[in-house]
Protein backbone atom coordinates (compact mmCIF):
# COMPACT_ATOMS: atom_id res chain seq x y z
CA UNK A 1 20.72 -9.87 4.05
CA UNK A 2 21.71 -11.24 0.66
CA UNK A 3 20.51 -14.69 1.73
CA UNK A 4 17.10 -13.27 2.63
CA UNK A 5 16.77 -11.51 -0.71
CA UNK A 6 17.88 -14.63 -2.56
CA UNK A 7 15.33 -16.77 -0.71
CA UNK A 8 12.59 -14.25 -1.45
CA UNK A 9 13.44 -14.02 -5.16
CA UNK A 10 13.73 -17.81 -5.51
CA UNK A 11 10.36 -18.44 -3.86
CA UNK A 12 8.63 -15.92 -6.12
CA UNK A 13 10.29 -17.16 -9.30
CA UNK A 14 9.30 -20.74 -8.47
CA UNK A 15 5.72 -19.63 -7.88
CA UNK A 16 5.62 -17.79 -11.21
CA UNK A 17 7.14 -20.80 -12.97
CA UNK A 18 4.31 -22.97 -11.63
CA UNK A 19 1.61 -20.42 -12.46
CA UNK A 20 -0.22 -21.21 -15.72
CA UNK A 21 0.54 -18.70 -18.50
CA UNK A 22 -1.69 -15.63 -18.66
CA UNK A 23 -3.18 -16.35 -15.25
CA UNK A 24 -3.96 -13.07 -13.55
CA UNK A 25 -6.25 -11.73 -10.88
CA UNK A 26 -9.19 -9.46 -11.62
CA UNK A 27 -7.11 -6.57 -10.29
CA UNK A 28 -4.55 -7.01 -13.08
CA UNK A 29 -7.32 -6.55 -15.64
CA UNK A 30 -8.44 -3.49 -13.72
CA UNK A 31 -4.93 -2.02 -13.93
CA UNK A 32 -4.94 -2.73 -17.68
CA UNK A 33 -8.19 -0.79 -18.02
CA UNK A 34 -6.74 2.11 -16.03
CA UNK A 35 -3.64 2.11 -18.25
CA UNK A 36 -5.82 2.07 -21.38
CA UNK A 37 -7.84 5.03 -20.09
CA UNK A 38 -4.67 7.00 -19.39
CA UNK A 39 -3.28 6.14 -22.81
CA UNK A 40 -6.49 7.43 -24.39
CA UNK A 41 -6.17 10.71 -22.49
CA UNK A 42 -9.06 9.94 -20.16
CA UNK A 43 -9.34 10.33 -16.40
CA UNK A 44 -9.56 6.78 -14.93
CA UNK A 45 -11.36 8.13 -11.87
CA UNK A 46 -14.16 9.28 -14.17
CA UNK A 47 -14.39 6.41 -16.65
CA UNK A 48 -13.69 3.43 -14.35
CA UNK A 49 -14.57 2.44 -10.78
CA UNK A 50 -11.28 0.63 -10.11
CA UNK A 51 -9.39 3.44 -8.33
CA UNK A 52 -10.69 3.80 -4.78
CA UNK A 53 -7.71 5.57 -3.24
CA UNK A 54 -5.61 8.74 -3.66
CA UNK A 55 -3.83 8.99 -7.04
CA UNK A 56 -0.38 7.54 -6.28
CA UNK A 57 -1.15 4.11 -7.74
CA UNK A 58 -2.64 5.68 -10.87
CA UNK A 59 0.62 7.57 -11.39
CA UNK A 60 2.60 4.38 -10.90
CA UNK A 61 0.44 2.58 -13.48
CA UNK A 62 1.06 5.43 -15.94
CA UNK A 63 4.84 5.06 -15.58
CA UNK A 64 4.74 1.24 -15.69
CA UNK A 65 2.63 1.27 -18.85
CA UNK A 66 5.19 3.52 -20.52
CA UNK A 67 8.01 1.21 -19.42
CA UNK A 68 6.10 -1.86 -20.62
CA UNK A 69 5.77 -0.31 -24.08
CA UNK A 70 9.43 0.76 -24.15
CA UNK A 71 10.70 -2.64 -22.98
CA UNK A 72 8.12 -4.57 -25.06
CA UNK A 73 6.89 -6.41 -21.98
CA UNK A 74 3.43 -7.26 -20.73
CA UNK A 75 2.11 -4.71 -18.24
CA UNK A 76 1.55 -7.46 -15.66
CA UNK A 77 5.24 -8.39 -15.86
CA UNK A 78 6.31 -4.80 -15.20
CA UNK A 79 3.85 -4.53 -12.31
CA UNK A 80 5.31 -7.68 -10.76
CA UNK A 81 8.84 -6.35 -11.18
CA UNK A 82 7.89 -3.08 -9.51
CA UNK A 83 6.00 -4.67 -6.64
CA UNK A 84 8.77 -7.22 -6.16
CA UNK A 85 11.31 -4.41 -5.91
CA UNK A 86 9.19 -2.60 -3.32
CA UNK A 87 8.77 -5.83 -1.40
CA UNK A 88 12.55 -6.32 -1.41
CA UNK A 89 12.91 -2.88 0.19
CA UNK A 90 10.27 -3.90 2.72
CA UNK A 91 12.21 -7.07 3.49
CA UNK A 92 15.42 -5.11 4.03
CA UNK A 93 13.63 -2.58 6.24
CA UNK A 94 11.85 -5.31 8.20
CA UNK A 95 15.10 -7.16 8.84
CA UNK A 96 16.80 -3.94 9.89
CA UNK A 97 14.03 -3.09 12.35
CA UNK A 98 13.99 -6.60 13.78
CA UNK A 99 17.75 -6.49 14.39
CA UNK A 100 17.12 -3.48 16.61
CA UNK A 101 14.58 -5.42 18.66
CA UNK A 102 15.98 -8.94 18.95
CA UNK A 103 19.02 -11.12 18.22
CA UNK A 104 20.39 -11.33 14.66
CA UNK A 105 19.43 -15.02 14.40
CA UNK A 106 15.86 -14.43 15.49
CA UNK A 107 15.59 -11.35 13.26
CA UNK A 108 16.67 -13.47 10.29
CA UNK A 109 14.10 -16.19 11.01
CA UNK A 110 11.27 -13.72 11.50
CA UNK A 111 12.07 -11.88 8.26
CA UNK A 112 12.52 -15.16 6.37
CA UNK A 113 9.23 -16.76 7.36
CA UNK A 114 7.27 -13.56 7.95
CA UNK A 115 8.03 -11.97 4.57
CA UNK A 116 10.45 -13.80 2.27
CA UNK A 117 8.70 -17.21 2.36
CA UNK A 118 5.26 -16.05 3.47
CA UNK A 119 2.77 -17.58 0.98
CA UNK A 120 0.32 -14.71 1.47
CA UNK A 121 3.02 -12.17 0.60
CA UNK A 122 3.93 -14.21 -2.49
CA UNK A 123 0.31 -14.39 -3.65
CA UNK A 124 -0.30 -10.67 -3.11
CA UNK A 125 2.67 -9.60 -5.22
CA UNK A 126 2.93 -12.36 -7.85
CA UNK A 127 -0.66 -13.39 -8.50
CA UNK A 128 -2.91 -10.69 -7.07
CA UNK A 129 -0.57 -7.81 -7.98
CA UNK A 130 -1.86 -5.94 -4.96
CA UNK A 131 -0.01 -2.73 -4.09
CA UNK A 132 -0.56 -2.91 -0.33
CA UNK A 133 3.17 -3.55 -0.12
CA UNK A 134 3.79 0.16 -0.87
CA UNK A 135 1.69 1.26 2.08
CA UNK A 136 3.19 -1.52 4.19
CA UNK A 137 6.74 -0.33 3.56
CA UNK A 138 6.03 3.24 4.60
CA UNK A 139 3.91 2.21 7.59
CA UNK A 140 6.84 0.11 8.81
CA UNK A 141 9.23 3.04 8.37
CA UNK A 142 6.81 5.41 10.11
CA UNK A 143 6.34 3.19 13.15
CA UNK A 144 10.08 2.62 13.42
CA UNK A 145 10.67 6.38 13.36
CA UNK A 146 8.07 6.81 16.13
CA UNK A 147 9.96 4.26 18.21
CA UNK A 148 13.22 6.01 17.46
CA UNK A 149 11.71 9.32 18.52
CA UNK A 150 10.50 7.85 21.82
CA UNK A 151 14.05 6.63 22.50
CA UNK A 152 15.98 9.72 21.42
CA UNK A 153 13.54 12.67 21.61
CA UNK A 154 15.05 13.78 18.30
CA UNK A 155 12.35 15.82 16.53
CA UNK A 156 13.76 14.80 13.15
CA UNK A 157 12.62 11.22 13.82
CA UNK A 158 9.10 12.49 14.50
CA UNK A 159 9.17 14.45 11.23
CA UNK A 160 10.41 11.37 9.36
CA UNK A 161 7.46 9.47 10.82
CA UNK A 162 5.04 12.14 9.62
CA UNK A 163 6.52 12.02 6.13
CA UNK A 164 6.46 8.22 5.87
CA UNK A 165 2.92 7.96 7.18
CA UNK A 166 1.84 10.69 4.77
CA UNK A 167 3.18 8.67 1.83
CA UNK A 168 1.47 5.53 3.16
CA UNK A 169 -1.85 7.39 3.30
CA UNK A 170 -1.26 8.71 -0.21
CA UNK A 171 -0.82 5.12 -1.35
CA UNK A 172 -3.92 3.56 0.17
CA UNK A 173 -5.82 5.80 2.65
CA UNK A 174 -6.19 3.07 5.31
CA UNK A 175 -2.98 3.97 7.22
CA UNK A 176 -4.73 7.17 8.30
CA UNK A 177 -5.95 5.15 11.30
CA UNK A 178 -2.34 5.17 12.55
CA UNK A 179 -2.17 8.97 12.87
CA UNK A 180 -2.73 8.76 16.68
CA UNK A 181 0.70 7.09 16.92
CA UNK A 182 2.19 10.50 16.22
CA UNK A 183 0.61 11.78 19.42
CA UNK A 184 3.11 9.95 21.62
CA UNK A 185 5.57 12.53 22.92
CA UNK A 186 3.84 15.31 20.99
CA UNK A 187 4.13 17.70 23.93
CA UNK A 188 7.91 17.70 23.53
CA UNK A 189 7.69 18.63 19.83
CA UNK A 190 8.10 22.34 19.07
CA UNK A 191 5.25 24.18 17.40
CA UNK A 192 7.41 24.81 14.32
CA UNK A 193 8.00 21.06 13.96
CA UNK A 194 4.33 20.33 14.57
CA UNK A 195 3.40 22.62 11.69
CA UNK A 196 5.97 21.07 9.39
CA UNK A 197 4.91 17.58 10.46
CA UNK A 198 1.28 18.37 9.64
CA UNK A 199 2.31 19.48 6.16
CA UNK A 200 4.38 16.32 5.64
CA UNK A 201 1.54 14.14 6.90
CA UNK A 202 -1.44 15.70 5.14
CA UNK A 203 0.10 17.73 2.32
CA UNK A 204 0.66 14.91 -0.23
CA UNK A 205 -2.77 13.31 0.12
CA UNK A 206 -4.57 16.68 0.27
CA UNK A 207 -2.87 17.90 -2.90
CA UNK A 208 -3.43 14.62 -4.72
CA UNK A 209 -7.08 14.35 -3.71
CA UNK A 210 -7.78 17.99 -4.58
CA UNK A 211 -6.62 17.44 -8.16
CA UNK A 212 -8.68 14.31 -8.84
CA UNK A 213 -11.69 15.80 -7.00
CA UNK A 214 -11.59 18.92 -9.19
CA UNK A 215 -11.64 16.70 -12.30
CA UNK A 216 -14.48 14.45 -11.12
CA UNK A 217 -16.26 15.47 -7.90
CA UNK A 218 -19.09 12.94 -8.14
CA UNK A 219 -16.90 10.00 -9.09
CA UNK A 220 -14.28 10.72 -6.43
CA UNK A 221 -16.99 11.16 -3.79
CA UNK A 222 -18.67 7.87 -4.71
CA UNK A 223 -15.63 5.70 -5.42
CA UNK A 224 -12.99 7.14 -3.08
CA UNK A 225 -14.52 9.11 -0.20
CA UNK A 226 -17.46 6.72 0.22
CA UNK A 227 -15.53 3.58 -0.70
CA UNK A 228 -16.05 0.42 1.31
CA UNK A 229 -15.12 -3.17 0.48
CA UNK A 230 -17.65 -5.54 -1.08
CA UNK A 231 -20.03 -6.65 1.65
CA UNK A 232 -20.22 -10.34 2.46
CA UNK A 233 -16.72 -11.20 1.32
CA UNK A 234 -14.19 -9.44 3.51
CA UNK A 235 -13.70 -8.54 7.17
CA UNK A 236 -16.60 -8.31 9.58
CA UNK A 237 -19.29 -8.58 6.90
CA UNK A 238 -17.81 -11.91 5.85
CA UNK A 239 -18.66 -13.25 9.30
CA UNK A 240 -22.20 -11.85 8.94
CA UNK A 241 -22.77 -14.38 6.16
CA UNK A 242 -21.99 -17.40 8.35
CA UNK A 243 -25.15 -17.10 10.50
CA UNK A 244 -27.00 -15.59 7.49
CA UNK A 245 -27.31 -12.12 9.02
CA UNK A 246 -28.08 -10.60 5.65
CA UNK A 247 -29.72 -7.51 7.12
CA UNK A 248 -26.43 -6.43 8.75
CA UNK A 249 -24.69 -6.84 5.40
CA UNK A 250 -27.37 -4.67 3.79
CA UNK A 251 -26.90 -2.00 6.46
CA UNK A 252 -23.17 -1.93 5.74
CA UNK A 253 -23.85 -1.53 2.00
CA UNK A 254 -26.34 1.27 2.67
CA UNK A 255 -23.79 3.17 4.76
CA UNK A 256 -24.45 1.97 8.31
């Protein structure tokens, strides 16, 4: 495990050493604007359009901005340190899960090339400063707990899965599509555990969303509840641009 972590840290430090000074993605500037709004006592959901998810990342930015001031470091540096730490936990968890599914040698190779030396993973954390890694960590833990529950029928594993998936949804909303995974073996789960699991799954995001919605109903509705990626650049709408199907892109933007 130490070799994996060393390889991951070395790859990321080499990338940062080659990166020109003060080279950041647009998202880093967005996080700076969110931090400035918080420092000024403003609600970033009301005064910016950069937060399109439940409030966990905003809270993380608040803490990291305080640490950056205390340590006299650039906010981007602290963000990279935080995301790198989360990614290290993801690497450890990924390697642990893989060892349960395959041989130790194969688990090592998959973790090494799938995460530690994966250029996309390096770009997301070091250059983009994208916090998908938080959701990724808890999605991995949730799916592993579902597998554990299917093997053991231990209701605690099912509850762990609910909790981990709830945190993943709190981080970035998208993992909500994985909720049906919790339906496997649901008939064997007691009603008391089902109730507790529902609270663990939906409680954090419901509480977080209720607070930011109360402070800015229109902004949260427009930027969070109705959020969709920029048409023509990502996913399916990116393919629409190849044959010049502009009308389909327009339909997506209009809420098709």
